[in-house]
């Protein structure tokens, strides 16, 4: 069964992350917050494509749904301050 931890590991292995959190407890639907320098200068579609590439065949075969928010480290700092 797919776990949030296994998805997180797959992403971190292929994509350098400064922060990542994947949650989901039904084995099919997950949500993630991913912070990476690799997102710098890329629009949200390109950022999500990097994550899909990191997951490879798992997105087609194992993971039914993955909702994600992607940030550069600078965007993440701003988002955290806005949440306070």
Protein backbone atom coordinates (compact mmCIF):
# COMPACT_ATOMS: atom_id res chain seq x y z
CA UNK A 1 0.00 0.00 0.00
CA UNK A 2 1.17 3.52 -0.79
CA UNK A 3 1.91 5.68 2.24
CA UNK A 4 2.50 9.39 2.70
CA UNK A 5 6.00 8.54 3.88
CA UNK A 6 6.81 6.54 0.73
CA UNK A 7 5.60 9.38 -1.49
CA UNK A 8 7.64 11.87 0.52
CA UNK A 9 10.71 9.65 0.19
CA UNK A 10 10.27 9.33 -3.59
CA UNK A 11 9.98 13.08 -4.02
CA UNK A 12 12.98 13.84 -1.76
CA UNK A 13 15.11 11.26 -3.56
CA UNK A 14 14.59 12.86 -6.98
CA UNK A 15 14.00 16.52 -6.09
CA UNK A 16 16.10 18.48 -3.58
CA UNK A 17 13.63 19.86 -1.03
CA UNK A 18 14.21 22.36 1.74
CA UNK A 19 10.89 21.28 3.31
CA UNK A 20 8.26 18.69 2.45
CA UNK A 21 5.17 17.27 4.10
CA UNK A 22 2.86 14.67 2.56
CA UNK A 23 -0.34 13.61 4.32
CA UNK A 24 -3.04 11.09 3.53
CA UNK A 25 -4.34 8.08 5.34
CA UNK A 26 -6.54 6.17 2.91
CA UNK A 27 -3.75 4.88 0.64
CA UNK A 28 -5.14 6.64 -2.44
CA UNK A 29 -5.60 10.38 -1.83
CA UNK A 30 -2.73 12.53 -0.65
CA UNK A 31 -1.84 16.18 -0.27
CA UNK A 32 1.62 17.67 -0.17
CA UNK A 33 3.44 20.90 0.55
CA UNK A 34 6.81 20.94 -1.21
CA UNK A 35 9.48 23.62 -0.96
CA UNK A 36 12.40 23.44 -3.38
CA UNK A 37 15.01 25.71 -4.93
CA UNK A 38 14.29 23.82 -8.17
CA UNK A 39 10.96 25.70 -8.45
CA UNK A 40 12.73 29.04 -8.83
CA UNK A 41 11.72 30.78 -12.06
CA UNK A 42 9.14 28.12 -12.97
CA UNK A 43 5.39 28.60 -13.11
CA UNK A 44 3.11 26.34 -11.07
CA UNK A 45 2.54 23.92 -13.95
CA UNK A 46 6.29 23.40 -14.42
CA UNK A 47 6.72 23.02 -10.65
CA UNK A 48 4.06 20.32 -10.51
CA UNK A 49 5.61 18.58 -13.52
CA UNK A 50 8.89 18.33 -11.59
CA UNK A 51 7.04 16.58 -8.77
CA UNK A 52 5.27 14.24 -11.19
CA UNK A 53 8.64 13.40 -12.78
CA UNK A 54 10.03 12.66 -9.32
CA UNK A 55 7.19 10.20 -8.72
CA UNK A 56 7.48 8.65 -12.18
CA UNK A 57 5.29 5.59 -12.74
CA UNK A 58 3.95 5.77 -9.20
CA UNK A 59 1.61 8.59 -10.32
CA UNK A 60 0.09 6.38 -12.99
CA UNK A 61 0.09 3.08 -11.15
CA UNK A 62 -0.11 3.61 -7.38
CA UNK A 63 -1.28 7.11 -6.49
CA UNK A 64 -4.89 7.92 -7.29
CA UNK A 65 -4.78 11.61 -6.36
CA UNK A 66 -2.12 14.04 -5.19
CA UNK A 67 -3.05 17.60 -4.31
CA UNK A 68 0.01 19.77 -3.90
CA UNK A 69 1.19 23.25 -3.07
CA UNK A 70 4.66 24.08 -4.31
CA UNK A 71 6.85 26.94 -3.15
CA UNK A 72 10.31 28.33 -3.62
CA UNK A 73 12.04 28.89 -0.26
CA UNK A 74 11.30 32.62 -0.53
CA UNK A 75 7.61 32.02 -1.29
CA UNK A 76 7.45 29.57 1.61
CA UNK A 77 8.81 32.16 4.06
CA UNK A 78 6.18 34.65 2.87
CA UNK A 79 3.40 32.03 3.10
CA UNK A 80 4.42 31.11 6.66
CA UNK A 81 4.39 34.76 7.73
CA UNK A 82 0.94 35.27 6.17
CA UNK A 83 -0.40 32.31 8.12
CA UNK A 84 0.74 33.77 11.47
